[in-house]
Protein backbone atom coordinates (compact mmCIF):
# COMPACT_ATOMS: atom_id res chain seq x y z
CA UNK A 1 -65.26 -83.24 -102.14
CA UNK A 2 -64.51 -81.38 -98.58
CA UNK A 3 -67.09 -78.56 -98.82
CA UNK A 4 -63.86 -75.61 -98.14
CA UNK A 5 -63.55 -76.19 -101.36
CA UNK A 6 -67.15 -75.79 -102.82
CA UNK A 7 -66.97 -71.79 -103.11
CA UNK A 8 -63.86 -72.06 -104.99
CA UNK A 9 -64.72 -74.74 -108.03
CA UNK A 10 -67.76 -72.01 -107.87
CA UNK A 11 -65.15 -69.16 -108.66
CA UNK A 12 -63.57 -70.43 -111.41
CA UNK A 13 -66.01 -73.08 -112.64
CA UNK A 14 -67.80 -71.31 -116.35
CA UNK A 15 -70.14 -73.41 -118.10
CA UNK A 16 -69.61 -73.62 -122.07
CA UNK A 17 -66.24 -73.14 -121.67
CA UNK A 18 -65.68 -74.89 -125.04
CA UNK A 19 -67.51 -72.79 -126.77
CA UNK A 20 -66.31 -69.86 -125.28
CA UNK A 21 -62.84 -70.70 -126.12
CA UNK A 22 -63.62 -72.15 -130.14
CA UNK A 23 -65.96 -68.25 -130.22
CA UNK A 24 -62.54 -67.25 -129.18
CA UNK A 25 -60.01 -68.27 -131.49
CA UNK A 26 -62.58 -67.83 -134.28
CA UNK A 27 -62.94 -64.07 -133.24
CA UNK A 28 -58.29 -64.05 -133.74
CA UNK A 29 -58.31 -65.19 -137.21
CA UNK A 30 -57.86 -68.58 -135.59
CA UNK A 31 -59.21 -72.27 -137.22
CA UNK A 32 -60.59 -73.59 -133.82
CA UNK A 33 -60.77 -77.32 -135.29
CA UNK A 34 -57.08 -77.50 -135.77
CA UNK A 35 -55.62 -75.13 -132.60
CA UNK A 36 -51.77 -75.62 -132.28
CA UNK A 37 -50.48 -75.41 -128.71
CA UNK A 38 -49.00 -72.18 -129.57
CA UNK A 39 -52.36 -70.74 -130.44
CA UNK A 40 -53.20 -72.23 -127.23
CA UNK A 41 -50.70 -70.26 -125.31
CA UNK A 42 -52.75 -67.11 -125.60
CA UNK A 43 -55.42 -68.79 -123.44
CA UNK A 44 -54.58 -70.91 -121.23
CA UNK A 45 -51.79 -69.77 -119.27
CA UNK A 46 -54.50 -68.21 -116.40
CA UNK A 47 -52.38 -67.32 -114.03
CA UNK A 48 -50.35 -63.86 -113.73
CA UNK A 49 -48.00 -63.29 -116.10
CA UNK A 50 -49.84 -65.27 -118.74
CA UNK A 51 -47.65 -67.67 -120.54
CA UNK A 52 -44.15 -65.39 -120.29
CA UNK A 53 -44.54 -66.27 -116.48
CA UNK A 54 -44.64 -70.17 -117.48
CA UNK A 55 -41.55 -70.78 -119.38
CA UNK A 56 -39.81 -68.07 -116.77
CA UNK A 57 -40.37 -70.40 -114.40
CA UNK A 58 -39.50 -73.12 -117.00
CA UNK A 59 -35.99 -71.51 -116.58
CA UNK A 60 -35.81 -70.87 -113.46
CA UNK A 61 -36.00 -74.00 -112.51
CA UNK A 62 -33.91 -75.98 -115.17
CA UNK A 63 -36.79 -78.34 -115.24
CA UNK A 64 -35.07 -81.24 -116.51
CA UNK A 65 -35.79 -82.30 -120.64
CA UNK A 66 -37.95 -85.41 -120.49
CA UNK A 67 -38.85 -85.63 -116.80
CA UNK A 68 -41.92 -86.50 -115.00
CA UNK A 69 -43.72 -83.51 -114.03
CA UNK A 70 -46.72 -82.80 -111.64
CA UNK A 71 -48.91 -79.72 -112.84
CA UNK A 72 -50.73 -79.35 -109.83
CA UNK A 73 -53.38 -77.20 -109.97
CA UNK A 74 -53.27 -77.17 -114.32
CA UNK A 75 -56.15 -74.70 -115.12
CA UNK A 76 -57.12 -75.52 -118.22
CA UNK A 77 -53.71 -77.17 -119.17
CA UNK A 78 -51.49 -74.38 -120.17
CA UNK A 79 -48.18 -75.21 -118.64
CA UNK A 80 -48.90 -78.97 -118.83
CA UNK A 81 -49.09 -78.60 -122.71
CA UNK A 82 -45.76 -76.53 -122.94
CA UNK A 83 -44.12 -79.49 -120.54
CA UNK A 84 -44.78 -81.83 -122.27
CA UNK A 85 -44.55 -80.00 -126.20
CA UNK A 86 -41.85 -77.59 -125.30
CA UNK A 87 -39.63 -80.28 -123.02
CA UNK A 88 -40.26 -83.08 -123.59
CA UNK A 89 -41.76 -84.24 -119.82
CA UNK A 90 -44.91 -86.68 -119.31
CA UNK A 91 -46.94 -84.06 -117.42
CA UNK A 92 -49.77 -85.45 -114.70
CA UNK A 93 -52.31 -83.12 -114.15
CA UNK A 94 -55.09 -82.09 -111.29
CA UNK A 95 -57.50 -79.65 -110.78
CA UNK A 96 -60.64 -79.32 -108.09
CA UNK A 97 -63.04 -78.18 -110.85
CA UNK A 98 -64.08 -80.71 -113.20
CA UNK A 99 -64.59 -78.32 -116.23
CA UNK A 100 -60.99 -77.72 -116.79
CA UNK A 101 -60.27 -81.00 -116.20
CA UNK A 102 -62.26 -82.16 -119.57
CA UNK A 103 -61.34 -78.83 -121.11
CA UNK A 104 -57.69 -79.42 -120.24
CA UNK A 105 -58.38 -83.04 -121.81
CA UNK A 106 -59.97 -82.22 -124.25
CA UNK A 107 -57.31 -79.54 -125.65
CA UNK A 108 -54.28 -82.08 -125.50
CA UNK A 109 -55.41 -84.61 -127.35
CA UNK A 110 -56.02 -81.90 -130.13
CA UNK A 111 -52.82 -80.41 -130.17
CA UNK A 112 -51.86 -84.42 -129.84
CA UNK A 113 -50.17 -84.39 -126.45
CA UNK A 114 -52.80 -86.58 -125.45
CA UNK A 115 -50.40 -88.94 -125.03
CA UNK A 116 -48.31 -86.94 -122.88
CA UNK A 117 -50.09 -85.42 -120.13
CA UNK A 118 -53.00 -86.89 -117.79
CA UNK A 119 -55.59 -85.20 -115.73
CA UNK A 120 -57.94 -85.40 -112.94
CA UNK A 121 -59.55 -84.18 -110.91
CA UNK A 122 -57.69 -83.86 -107.24
CA UNK A 123 -56.36 -81.05 -104.55
CA UNK A 124 -53.42 -80.08 -103.56
CA UNK A 125 -53.59 -80.73 -100.19
CA UNK A 126 -54.83 -84.76 -100.63
CA UNK A 127 -52.70 -86.10 -103.57
CA UNK A 128 -53.97 -88.70 -105.47
CA UNK A 129 -50.50 -90.03 -106.17
CA UNK A 130 -48.35 -93.29 -105.21
CA UNK A 131 -45.44 -91.56 -102.65
CA UNK A 132 -41.26 -90.33 -104.98
CA UNK A 133 -43.43 -90.35 -107.86
CA UNK A 134 -42.77 -87.20 -109.99
CA UNK A 135 -39.42 -85.74 -111.09
CA UNK A 136 -40.86 -82.11 -110.72
CA UNK A 137 -43.87 -80.83 -108.71
CA UNK A 138 -45.01 -77.21 -110.09
CA UNK A 139 -47.80 -75.30 -108.97
CA UNK A 140 -49.01 -71.62 -110.56
CA UNK A 141 -50.59 -69.63 -109.21
CA UNK A 142 -53.04 -71.95 -106.36
CA UNK A 143 -51.69 -71.44 -102.84
CA UNK A 144 -53.88 -68.20 -102.57
CA UNK A 145 -56.93 -70.40 -102.51
CA UNK A 146 -55.35 -73.07 -100.28
CA UNK A 147 -55.73 -72.59 -96.51
CA UNK A 148 -54.19 -76.23 -95.60
CA UNK A 149 -50.88 -74.95 -96.40
CA UNK A 150 -48.81 -77.44 -94.13
CA UNK A 151 -51.05 -80.43 -95.08
CA UNK A 152 -50.33 -78.85 -99.54
CA UNK A 153 -46.66 -78.61 -99.31
CA UNK A 154 -46.44 -82.22 -96.70
CA UNK A 155 -47.87 -83.87 -99.90
CA UNK A 156 -45.60 -82.34 -102.37
CA UNK A 157 -42.43 -83.53 -100.34
CA UNK A 158 -44.74 -86.77 -100.03
CA UNK A 159 -44.78 -87.71 -103.76
CA UNK A 160 -41.40 -86.14 -104.64
CA UNK A 161 -38.19 -88.73 -105.65
CA UNK A 162 -35.27 -87.53 -103.39
CA UNK A 163 -33.74 -84.54 -104.81
CA UNK A 164 -36.68 -83.23 -106.45
CA UNK A 165 -38.30 -80.15 -107.40
CA UNK A 166 -41.19 -78.21 -106.14
CA UNK A 167 -41.35 -74.67 -108.19
CA UNK A 168 -44.15 -72.08 -106.61
CA UNK A 169 -45.45 -68.97 -108.33
CA UNK A 170 -48.24 -67.29 -106.16
CA UNK A 171 -48.82 -64.01 -104.65
CA UNK A 172 -48.23 -63.42 -100.89
CA UNK A 173 -48.95 -61.01 -97.92
CA UNK A 174 -47.64 -57.33 -98.34
CA UNK A 175 -47.20 -55.18 -95.08
CA UNK A 176 -49.13 -52.34 -96.74
CA UNK A 177 -52.39 -53.64 -95.94
CA UNK A 178 -54.96 -55.50 -97.98
CA UNK A 179 -55.19 -56.44 -101.66
CA UNK A 180 -57.86 -54.62 -104.09
CA UNK A 181 -60.38 -57.23 -104.72
CA UNK A 182 -61.82 -58.39 -106.81
CA UNK A 183 -58.84 -60.42 -107.79
CA UNK A 184 -58.37 -63.05 -110.22
CA UNK A 185 -58.31 -66.20 -108.10
CA UNK A 186 -60.64 -64.50 -105.38
CA UNK A 187 -63.39 -62.30 -105.65
CA UNK A 188 -63.92 -61.21 -101.57
CA UNK A 189 -61.86 -62.33 -99.28
CA UNK A 190 -63.62 -65.54 -97.95
CA UNK A 191 -61.64 -67.63 -101.30
CA UNK A 192 -58.50 -65.64 -100.37
CA UNK A 193 -56.13 -67.65 -98.35
CA UNK A 194 -52.60 -65.30 -98.00
CA UNK A 195 -49.67 -65.67 -96.58
CA UNK A 196 -46.39 -63.58 -95.65
CA UNK A 197 -43.25 -64.49 -97.76
CA UNK A 198 -41.77 -65.50 -95.00
CA UNK A 199 -44.21 -67.51 -93.42
CA UNK A 200 -44.67 -69.44 -96.73
CA UNK A 201 -40.91 -69.96 -96.49
CA UNK A 202 -40.89 -71.42 -92.91
CA UNK A 203 -43.78 -73.31 -93.65
CA UNK A 204 -41.89 -75.25 -97.07
CA UNK A 205 -38.36 -75.38 -94.68
CA UNK A 206 -40.75 -77.46 -91.78
CA UNK A 207 -42.35 -80.09 -94.44
CA UNK A 208 -39.39 -80.74 -94.81
CA UNK A 209 -37.49 -79.18 -97.52
CA UNK A 210 -34.12 -78.01 -98.54
CA UNK A 211 -32.60 -75.63 -100.24
CA UNK A 212 -35.50 -72.76 -100.62
CA UNK A 213 -35.90 -70.33 -101.69
CA UNK A 214 -37.50 -67.42 -103.85
CA UNK A 215 -36.27 -65.93 -106.95
CA UNK A 216 -38.83 -63.45 -108.28
CA UNK A 217 -36.03 -61.41 -108.68
CA UNK A 218 -34.39 -62.67 -110.94
CA UNK A 219 -37.70 -62.76 -113.65
CA UNK A 220 -38.66 -59.58 -116.12
CA UNK A 221 -42.01 -61.09 -115.34
CA UNK A 222 -43.63 -61.27 -112.06
CA UNK A 223 -46.78 -62.77 -110.57
CA UNK A 224 -49.35 -60.04 -110.71
CA UNK A 225 -47.94 -57.54 -112.17
CA UNK A 226 -50.02 -57.98 -115.50
CA UNK A 227 -49.51 -60.73 -118.52
CA UNK A 228 -47.58 -59.26 -121.96
CA UNK A 229 -49.69 -58.45 -124.61
CA UNK A 230 -51.83 -61.21 -125.88
CA UNK A 231 -54.61 -61.87 -128.77
CA UNK A 232 -57.25 -63.60 -126.86
CA UNK A 233 -56.12 -63.73 -122.88
CA UNK A 234 -57.81 -65.37 -119.98
CA UNK A 235 -61.09 -64.25 -120.06
CA UNK A 236 -63.13 -67.38 -122.28
CA UNK A 237 -61.98 -69.62 -118.75
CA UNK A 238 -61.68 -66.36 -116.32
CA UNK A 239 -64.99 -64.28 -117.12
CA UNK A 240 -64.82 -61.00 -119.25
CA UNK A 241 -64.63 -59.08 -115.86
CA UNK A 242 -61.03 -60.83 -115.60
CA UNK A 243 -59.15 -57.05 -116.88
CA UNK A 244 -60.47 -55.83 -113.25
CA UNK A 245 -59.75 -58.70 -111.36
CA UNK A 246 -56.19 -58.42 -112.81
CA UNK A 247 -55.73 -54.37 -112.65
CA UNK A 248 -56.52 -54.47 -109.22
CA UNK A 249 -54.03 -57.34 -109.05
CA UNK A 250 -51.58 -55.25 -110.55
CA UNK A 251 -52.91 -52.49 -108.41
CA UNK A 252 -52.28 -54.09 -105.16
CA UNK A 253 -48.40 -55.55 -105.45
CA UNK A 254 -47.36 -51.78 -107.06
CA UNK A 255 -49.07 -50.85 -103.62
CA UNK A 256 -47.20 -53.49 -101.36
CA UNK A 257 -50.33 -55.27 -100.65
CA UNK A 258 -49.04 -58.44 -102.55
CA UNK A 259 -45.73 -59.73 -103.30
CA UNK A 260 -44.83 -61.90 -106.21
CA UNK A 261 -42.75 -64.65 -105.81
CA UNK A 262 -40.95 -67.61 -108.03
CA UNK A 263 -40.46 -70.31 -104.88
CA UNK A 264 -37.97 -73.46 -106.08
CA UNK A 265 -37.82 -75.82 -102.70
CA UNK A 266 -35.93 -79.58 -103.26
CA UNK A 267 -36.68 -82.73 -101.28
CA UNK A 268 -33.31 -83.60 -100.20
CA UNK A 269 -32.10 -86.69 -101.69
């Protein structure tokens, strides 16, 4: 694994994560031995806005029913399970963090979606897939941990079929100073790699994407503005201080230090 990814993996590794998830489900009066996609959605969408952002992003992107999707930076697999369970998609998923990958696999099997979702360790700057493999590449709050965005975008373009869709939700650099740390994706600036919205859109165009647009203003749920009320939340997977870190993200958005984006981009036909 490249040296630059080690701090990112360390940031997200929790240890004993399945035990933490099971405990959280029990405390919410759920049966951890009979989980459902809906039950897990209260804790397994780890990006800003949680499940609501996944649902909104899928709607704005008009992800086709039954298509082949790459979940690039899948966390513990909430978005993958949404796409497979609600939209009938076949999903391949990657994440840098070995613990997340193993938990995602276990949860996929536990809800009966193991045959529709495959998960492996992988890096968005070196995707382990053949050219023109996917109809859609979905990426949620990953770019902020990636220094080499040109490589990330070039790899997404490579694995998409002609006319395929790349959809990203993330937070960009705002004009009013640096964000307030710690944040959900980084406790210090050393593992946070932000760019301005204009730079992000320009890099996507330079990579070869067309019809690049930010549709965040069409959404009532924006990344970084805080998750809707949930019974459990992301603490089992993200740490007990996630409320503070999410609060810093929300304050940074309000201050204009961070700008939420939901990007749609096409590989030319």
